[in-house]
Protein backbone atom coordinates (compact mmCIF):
# COMPACT_ATOMS: atom_id res chain seq x y z
CA MET A 1 126.29 238.75 157.74
CA GLU A 2 128.15 240.37 154.85
CA GLN A 3 130.79 241.72 157.22
CA LYS A 4 131.51 238.20 158.44
CA GLN A 5 132.06 237.07 154.84
CA GLN A 6 134.31 240.02 154.07
CA GLN A 7 136.60 239.37 157.02
CA PRO A 8 137.76 235.92 155.81
CA GLN A 9 138.28 237.36 152.32
CA GLN A 10 140.42 240.16 153.73
CA GLN A 11 142.43 237.63 155.71
CA GLN A 12 143.01 235.56 152.56
CA GLN A 13 144.18 238.64 150.68
CA GLN A 14 146.57 239.53 153.49
CA GLN A 15 147.97 235.99 153.48
CA GLN A 16 148.50 236.14 149.73
CA GLN A 17 150.35 239.45 150.10
CA ARG A 18 152.58 237.92 152.76
CA GLN A 19 153.35 234.96 150.52
CA LYS A 20 154.24 237.30 147.66
CA GLN A 21 156.85 238.98 149.83
CA ARG A 22 159.01 235.85 150.02
CA CYS A 23 161.55 234.35 147.66
CA GLU A 24 160.12 231.39 145.71
CA LYS A 25 163.39 229.45 146.03
CA CYS A 26 164.68 230.01 149.57
CA ASN A 27 161.55 231.51 151.18
CA LYS A 28 163.60 234.47 152.42
CA LYS A 29 161.62 237.60 153.27
CA LEU A 30 161.97 240.19 150.52
CA ILE A 31 162.63 243.82 151.27
CA ILE A 32 163.03 244.64 147.59
CA GLU A 33 160.96 242.51 145.24
CA TYR A 34 162.71 241.24 142.11
CA LYS A 35 160.35 239.78 139.54
CA CYS A 36 161.62 237.37 136.92
CA LYS A 37 160.14 237.04 133.43
CA CYS A 38 158.47 233.83 134.62
CA GLU A 39 156.34 236.10 136.88
CA LYS A 40 157.78 234.78 140.15
CA GLN A 41 159.52 236.79 142.84
CA PHE A 42 163.03 236.03 144.03
CA CYS A 43 165.74 237.45 146.22
CA ILE A 44 168.76 238.93 144.47
CA SER A 45 170.80 235.74 144.81
CA HIS A 46 168.17 233.62 143.04
CA LEU A 47 167.11 236.12 140.38
CA ASN A 48 169.31 234.58 137.65
CA ALA A 49 167.41 232.16 135.43
CA GLU A 50 169.94 229.39 136.11
CA GLU A 51 169.57 229.77 139.86
CA HIS A 52 165.84 229.07 140.00
CA SER A 53 165.27 226.85 136.94
CA CYS A 54 163.31 229.49 135.08
CA THR A 55 160.52 228.28 132.80
CA PHE A 56 160.58 231.36 130.57
CA ASN A 57 161.87 230.67 127.05
CA TYR A 58 164.56 233.34 126.57
CA LYS A 59 165.87 231.80 123.35
CA GLN A 60 162.50 232.05 121.60
CA GLN A 61 162.01 235.63 122.78
CA TYR A 62 165.37 236.78 121.41
CA GLN A 63 164.88 234.89 118.15
CA GLU A 64 161.64 236.80 117.61
CA ILE A 65 163.37 240.11 118.39
CA ILE A 66 166.19 239.37 115.96
CA LYS A 67 163.76 238.26 113.27
CA LYS A 68 161.82 241.51 113.66
CA GLN A 69 165.01 243.57 113.44
CA ILE A 70 166.11 241.73 110.29
CA ASP A 71 162.72 242.34 108.69
CA ASP A 72 163.05 246.05 109.48
CA ILE A 73 166.48 246.23 107.81
CA GLY A 74 165.35 244.55 104.60
CA PRO A 75 167.40 242.36 102.30
CA LEU A 76 171.10 242.64 103.09
CA SER A 77 172.26 241.91 99.52
CA THR A 78 171.05 245.35 98.34
CA LYS A 79 172.96 247.10 101.11
CA VAL A 80 176.36 245.48 100.40
CA ASP A 81 178.31 246.72 97.39
CA LYS A 82 180.47 244.31 95.45
CA ILE A 83 184.15 245.07 95.42
């Protein structure tokens, strides 16, 4: 009985793997998988964020990186000498 239950589960897993091997935009079969920061897989032509209407917020990510780098540098007024 358990074997009968495992077979449909294995089939579902195989179907999910097949679906993962296709581009989210054009449904083209992927030989090489390219994963975007929005956690979706695309072919090389749709990998750009503008091409697939990416939902990942790049602006916020880079603002946080810049803010962290500025905090590491410290106040800039102490580093600049007056002429």
